[in-house]
Amino acid sequence: MSEENKALVRRLVDEAINGGRLELVEDLFAPELAEPARQAFRSFRAAFPHRRKEIVDLVAEGDQVGGEVSLFRHLPGRVHGVAPNGRRQEADEIFFLRVREGRFVEYWRLETT
Protein backbone atom coordinates (compact mmCIF):
# COMPACT_ATOMS: atom_id res chain seq x y z
CA MET A 1 0.00 0.00 0.00
CA SER A 2 2.77 2.45 0.88
CA GLU A 3 4.39 2.28 -2.56
CA GLU A 4 1.01 2.86 -4.26
CA ASN A 5 0.42 5.89 -2.06
CA LYS A 6 3.85 7.31 -2.90
CA ALA A 7 3.06 6.79 -6.59
CA LEU A 8 -0.10 8.89 -6.12
CA VAL A 9 2.00 11.73 -4.68
CA ARG A 10 4.44 11.50 -7.59
CA ARG A 11 1.53 11.68 -10.02
CA LEU A 12 0.13 14.70 -8.17
CA VAL A 13 3.43 16.57 -8.30
CA ASP A 14 4.63 15.54 -11.77
CA GLU A 15 1.41 15.50 -13.76
CA ALA A 16 -1.16 17.68 -11.99
CA ILE A 17 0.98 20.40 -10.38
CA ASN A 18 4.03 20.63 -12.67
CA GLY A 19 2.23 19.42 -15.79
CA GLY A 20 -0.87 21.55 -15.27
CA ARG A 21 -3.21 18.60 -15.85
CA LEU A 22 -6.00 19.76 -13.57
CA GLU A 23 -8.39 17.17 -14.99
CA LEU A 24 -6.48 14.64 -12.84
CA VAL A 25 -7.71 16.32 -9.66
CA GLU A 26 -10.94 14.27 -9.81
CA ASP A 27 -8.89 11.05 -9.89
CA LEU A 28 -6.47 12.06 -7.14
CA PHE A 29 -8.68 13.74 -4.52
CA ALA A 30 -11.83 12.70 -2.68
CA PRO A 31 -14.90 14.52 -4.04
CA GLU A 32 -15.06 17.00 -1.14
CA LEU A 33 -11.42 18.07 -1.72
CA ALA A 34 -11.35 18.06 -5.53
CA GLU A 35 -12.74 21.55 -6.15
CA PRO A 36 -10.75 23.30 -3.39
CA ALA A 37 -7.59 21.59 -4.70
CA ARG A 38 -8.32 22.64 -8.28
CA GLN A 39 -8.90 26.26 -7.20
CA ALA A 40 -5.65 26.30 -5.21
CA PHE A 41 -3.66 24.88 -8.15
CA ARG A 42 -5.20 27.42 -10.55
CA SER A 43 -4.46 30.29 -8.18
CA PHE A 44 -0.81 29.29 -7.72
CA ARG A 45 -0.35 28.67 -11.45
CA ALA A 46 -1.76 32.13 -12.20
CA ALA A 47 0.57 33.74 -9.65
CA PHE A 48 3.61 31.65 -10.58
CA PRO A 49 3.17 30.33 -14.14
CA HIS A 50 6.72 28.94 -14.32
CA ARG A 51 6.89 27.29 -10.90
CA ARG A 52 8.17 23.77 -10.51
CA LYS A 53 8.15 21.34 -7.60
CA GLU A 54 10.75 18.63 -7.18
CA ILE A 55 10.29 15.77 -4.76
CA VAL A 56 13.18 15.55 -2.31
CA ASP A 57 11.91 12.74 -0.10
CA LEU A 58 8.80 10.62 0.44
CA VAL A 59 7.97 8.43 3.41
CA ALA A 60 4.83 6.32 3.58
CA GLU A 61 3.31 4.22 6.29
CA GLY A 62 -0.21 2.88 6.39
CA ASP A 63 -2.57 5.39 4.82
CA GLN A 64 -0.23 8.39 5.17
CA VAL A 65 2.47 9.84 2.97
CA GLY A 66 4.82 12.53 4.20
CA GLY A 67 7.47 14.24 2.24
CA GLU A 68 9.52 17.22 1.27
CA VAL A 69 9.49 19.07 -2.02
CA SER A 70 11.59 21.96 -3.26
CA LEU A 71 9.68 24.72 -4.99
CA PHE A 72 11.28 26.95 -7.63
CA ARG A 73 9.43 30.01 -8.92
CA HIS A 74 9.67 33.60 -10.15
CA LEU A 75 7.44 36.39 -8.92
CA PRO A 76 6.07 37.94 -12.15
CA GLY A 77 3.27 39.98 -10.54
CA ARG A 78 2.03 41.22 -7.19
CA VAL A 79 1.17 38.31 -4.88
CA HIS A 80 -0.13 38.75 -1.33
CA GLY A 81 1.04 42.36 -1.35
CA VAL A 82 4.58 41.54 -2.48
CA ALA A 83 5.73 43.50 -5.54
CA PRO A 84 7.23 41.59 -8.50
CA ASN A 85 11.00 41.46 -8.51
CA GLY A 86 11.83 39.00 -11.30
CA ARG A 87 14.17 37.06 -9.03
CA ARG A 88 14.07 33.30 -8.69
CA GLN A 89 12.61 32.17 -5.40
CA GLU A 90 13.20 28.84 -3.77
CA ALA A 91 11.19 27.34 -0.95
CA ASP A 92 10.87 24.01 0.80
CA GLU A 93 7.56 22.40 1.54
CA ILE A 94 6.82 19.68 4.06
CA PHE A 95 3.52 17.88 3.61
CA PHE A 96 1.36 15.02 4.82
CA LEU A 97 -1.40 13.38 2.83
CA ARG A 98 -3.85 10.72 3.96
CA VAL A 99 -5.05 8.24 1.32
CA ARG A 100 -8.29 6.29 1.35
CA GLU A 101 -9.49 4.10 -1.51
CA GLY A 102 -6.80 5.46 -3.82
CA ARG A 103 -7.56 9.17 -3.29
CA PHE A 104 -6.29 11.91 -1.04
CA VAL A 105 -8.73 12.63 1.78
CA GLU A 106 -6.54 14.95 3.90
CA TYR A 107 -3.76 17.36 3.02
CA TRP A 108 -1.49 19.40 5.27
CA ARG A 109 1.57 21.40 4.26
CA LEU A 110 4.06 23.93 5.58
CA GLU A 111 6.11 26.07 3.22
CA THR A 112 9.34 27.74 4.28
CA THR A 113 11.42 30.23 2.33
C-alpha atoms as a PDB file:
ATOM      1  CA  MET A   1       0.000   0.000   0.000  1.00  0.00           C
ATOM      2  CA  SER A   2       2.773   2.449   0.881  1.00  0.00           C
ATOM      3  CA  GLU A   3       4.390   2.282  -2.563  1.00  0.00           C
ATOM      4  CA  GLU A   4       1.015   2.859  -4.262  1.00  0.00           C
ATOM      5  CA  ASN A   5       0.416   5.893  -2.057  1.00  0.00           C
ATOM      6  CA  LYS A   6       3.853   7.314  -2.895  1.00  0.00           C
ATOM      7  CA  ALA A   7       3.062   6.788  -6.588  1.00  0.00           C
ATOM      8  CA  LEU A   8      -0.104   8.894  -6.121  1.00  0.00           C
ATOM      9  CA  VAL A   9       1.996  11.732  -4.681  1.00  0.00           C
ATOM     10  CA  ARG A  10       4.442  11.502  -7.591  1.00  0.00           C
ATOM     11  CA  ARG A  11       1.525  11.684 -10.016  1.00  0.00           C
ATOM     12  CA  LEU A  12       0.127  14.699  -8.166  1.00  0.00           C
ATOM     13  CA  VAL A  13       3.433  16.572  -8.298  1.00  0.00           C
ATOM     14  CA  ASP A  14       4.627  15.540 -11.774  1.00  0.00           C
ATOM     15  CA  GLU A  15       1.408  15.497 -13.756  1.00  0.00           C
ATOM     16  CA  ALA A  16      -1.155  17.676 -11.985  1.00  0.00           C
ATOM     17  CA  ILE A  17       0.979  20.397 -10.379  1.00  0.00           C
ATOM     18  CA  ASN A  18       4.026  20.625 -12.665  1.00  0.00           C
ATOM     19  CA  GLY A  19       2.230  19.419 -15.791  1.00  0.00           C
ATOM     20  CA  GLY A  20      -0.866  21.551 -15.271  1.00  0.00           C
ATOM     21  CA  ARG A  21      -3.208  18.599 -15.852  1.00  0.00           C
ATOM     22  CA  LEU A  22      -5.998  19.756 -13.569  1.00  0.00           C
ATOM     23  CA  GLU A  23      -8.386  17.165 -14.988  1.00  0.00           C
ATOM     24  CA  LEU A  24      -6.477  14.639 -12.840  1.00  0.00           C
ATOM     25  CA  VAL A  25      -7.709  16.316  -9.656  1.00  0.00           C
ATOM     26  CA  GLU A  26     -10.939  14.269  -9.815  1.00  0.00           C
ATOM     27  CA  ASP A  27      -8.894  11.049  -9.888  1.00  0.00           C
ATOM     28  CA  LEU A  28      -6.475  12.061  -7.138  1.00  0.00           C
ATOM     29  CA  PHE A  29      -8.683  13.740  -4.521  1.00  0.00           C
ATOM     30  CA  ALA A  30     -11.830  12.696  -2.677  1.00  0.00           C
ATOM     31  CA  PRO A  31     -14.902  14.518  -4.038  1.00  0.00           C
ATOM     32  CA  GLU A  32     -15.061  16.999  -1.141  1.00  0.00           C
ATOM     33  CA  LEU A  33     -11.425  18.070  -1.725  1.00  0.00           C
ATOM     34  CA  ALA A  34     -11.346  18.060  -5.528  1.00  0.00           C
ATOM     35  CA  GLU A  35     -12.740  21.548  -6.152  1.00  0.00           C
ATOM     36  CA  PRO A  36     -10.745  23.304  -3.390  1.00  0.00           C
ATOM     37  CA  ALA A  37      -7.585  21.588  -4.695  1.00  0.00           C
ATOM     38  CA  ARG A  38      -8.316  22.639  -8.283  1.00  0.00           C
ATOM     39  CA  GLN A  39      -8.899  26.259  -7.197  1.00  0.00           C
ATOM     40  CA  ALA A  40      -5.649  26.299  -5.215  1.00  0.00           C
ATOM     41  CA  PHE A  41      -3.662  24.883  -8.149  1.00  0.00           C
ATOM     42  CA  ARG A  42      -5.202  27.419 -10.548  1.00  0.00           C
ATOM     43  CA  SER A  43      -4.459  30.286  -8.179  1.00  0.00           C
ATOM     44  CA  PHE A  44      -0.811  29.293  -7.723  1.00  0.00           C
ATOM     45  CA  ARG A  45      -0.354  28.667 -11.448  1.00  0.00           C
ATOM     46  CA  ALA A  46      -1.764  32.128 -12.203  1.00  0.00           C
ATOM     47  CA  ALA A  47       0.566  33.743  -9.654  1.00  0.00           C
ATOM     48  CA  PHE A  48       3.609  31.646 -10.582  1.00  0.00           C
ATOM     49  CA  PRO A  49       3.171  30.331 -14.141  1.00  0.00           C
ATOM     50  CA  HIS A  50       6.719  28.942 -14.318  1.00  0.00           C
ATOM     51  CA  ARG A  51       6.893  27.293 -10.905  1.00  0.00           C
ATOM     52  CA  ARG A  52       8.166  23.771 -10.511  1.00  0.00           C
ATOM     53  CA  LYS A  53       8.148  21.344  -7.602  1.00  0.00           C
ATOM     54  CA  GLU A  54      10.747  18.628  -7.182  1.00  0.00           C
ATOM     55  CA  ILE A  55      10.289  15.767  -4.755  1.00  0.00           C
ATOM     56  CA  VAL A  56      13.183  15.553  -2.308  1.00  0.00           C
ATOM     57  CA  ASP A  57      11.912  12.735  -0.105  1.00  0.00           C
ATOM     58  CA  LEU A  58       8.797  10.619   0.435  1.00  0.00           C
ATOM     59  CA  VAL A  59       7.972   8.434   3.409  1.00  0.00           C
ATOM     60  CA  ALA A  60       4.835   6.321   3.577  1.00  0.00           C
ATOM     61  CA  GLU A  61       3.312   4.224   6.294  1.00  0.00           C
ATOM     62  CA  GLY A  62      -0.213   2.884   6.394  1.00  0.00           C
ATOM     63  CA  ASP A  63      -2.571   5.385   4.816  1.00  0.00           C
ATOM     64  CA  GLN A  64      -0.225   8.393   5.171  1.00  0.00           C
ATOM     65  CA  VAL A  65       2.472   9.840   2.969  1.00  0.00           C
ATOM     66  CA  GLY A  66       4.824  12.526   4.203  1.00  0.00           C
ATOM     67  CA  GLY A  67       7.466  14.245   2.239  1.00  0.00           C
ATOM     68  CA  GLU A  68       9.516  17.218   1.269  1.00  0.00           C
ATOM     69  CA  VAL A  69       9.493  19.072  -2.018  1.00  0.00           C
ATOM     70  CA  SER A  70      11.593  21.960  -3.258  1.00  0.00           C
ATOM     71  CA  LEU A  71       9.684  24.720  -4.994  1.00  0.00           C
ATOM     72  CA  PHE A  72      11.283  26.950  -7.635  1.00  0.00           C
ATOM     73  CA  ARG A  73       9.429  30.015  -8.918  1.00  0.00           C
ATOM     74  CA  HIS A  74       9.675  33.599 -10.155  1.00  0.00           C
ATOM     75  CA  LEU A  75       7.443  36.394  -8.922  1.00  0.00           C
ATOM     76  CA  PRO A  76       6.066  37.938 -12.151  1.00  0.00           C
ATOM     77  CA  GLY A  77       3.273  39.984 -10.544  1.00  0.00           C
ATOM     78  CA  ARG A  78       2.029  41.220  -7.188  1.00  0.00           C
ATOM     79  CA  VAL A  79       1.172  38.306  -4.882  1.00  0.00           C
ATOM     80  CA  HIS A  80      -0.130  38.748  -1.327  1.00  0.00           C
ATOM     81  CA  GLY A  81       1.038  42.365  -1.354  1.00  0.00           C
ATOM     82  CA  VAL A  82       4.580  41.539  -2.485  1.00  0.00           C
ATOM     83  CA  ALA A  83       5.729  43.496  -5.536  1.00  0.00           C
ATOM     84  CA  PRO A  84       7.227  41.594  -8.497  1.00  0.00           C
ATOM     85  CA  ASN A  85      11.004  41.463  -8.507  1.00  0.00           C
ATOM     86  CA  GLY A  86      11.825  39.003 -11.305  1.00  0.00           C
ATOM     87  CA  ARG A  87      14.171  37.061  -9.030  1.00  0.00           C
ATOM     88  CA  ARG A  88      14.069  33.303  -8.689  1.00  0.00           C
ATOM     89  CA  GLN A  89      12.612  32.169  -5.397  1.00  0.00           C
ATOM     90  CA  GLU A  90      13.198  28.839  -3.771  1.00  0.00           C
ATOM     91  CA  ALA A  91      11.186  27.339  -0.951  1.00  0.00           C
ATOM     92  CA  ASP A  92      10.872  24.012   0.801  1.00  0.00           C
ATOM     93  CA  GLU A  93       7.560  22.403   1.538  1.00  0.00           C
ATOM     94  CA  ILE A  94       6.819  19.678   4.056  1.00  0.00           C
ATOM     95  CA  PHE A  95       3.516  17.879   3.607  1.00  0.00           C
ATOM     96  CA  PHE A  96       1.360  15.018   4.824  1.00  0.00           C
ATOM     97  CA  LEU A  97      -1.402  13.379   2.826  1.00  0.00           C
ATOM     98  CA  ARG A  98      -3.847  10.720   3.955  1.00  0.00           C
ATOM     99  CA  VAL A  99      -5.051   8.235   1.316  1.00  0.00           C
ATOM    100  CA  ARG A 100      -8.288   6.290   1.351  1.00  0.00           C
ATOM    101  CA  GLU A 101      -9.493   4.099  -1.505  1.00  0.00           C
ATOM    102  CA  GLY A 102      -6.801   5.457  -3.822  1.00  0.00           C
ATOM    103  CA  ARG A 103      -7.557   9.167  -3.293  1.00  0.00           C
ATOM    104  CA  PHE A 104      -6.289  11.915  -1.035  1.00  0.00           C
ATOM    105  CA  VAL A 105      -8.732  12.632   1.782  1.00  0.00           C
ATOM    106  CA  GLU A 106      -6.542  14.955   3.901  1.00  0.00           C
ATOM    107  CA  TYR A 107      -3.758  17.357   3.023  1.00  0.00           C
ATOM    108  CA  TRP A 108      -1.492  19.405   5.275  1.00  0.00           C
ATOM    109  CA  ARG A 109       1.566  21.403   4.262  1.00  0.00           C
ATOM    110  CA  LEU A 110       4.062  23.925   5.578  1.00  0.00           C
ATOM    111  CA  GLU A 111       6.112  26.065   3.217  1.00  0.00           C
ATOM    112  CA  THR A 112       9.338  27.744   4.282  1.00  0.00           C
ATOM    113  CA  THR A 113      11.417  30.234   2.327  1.00  0.00           C
END
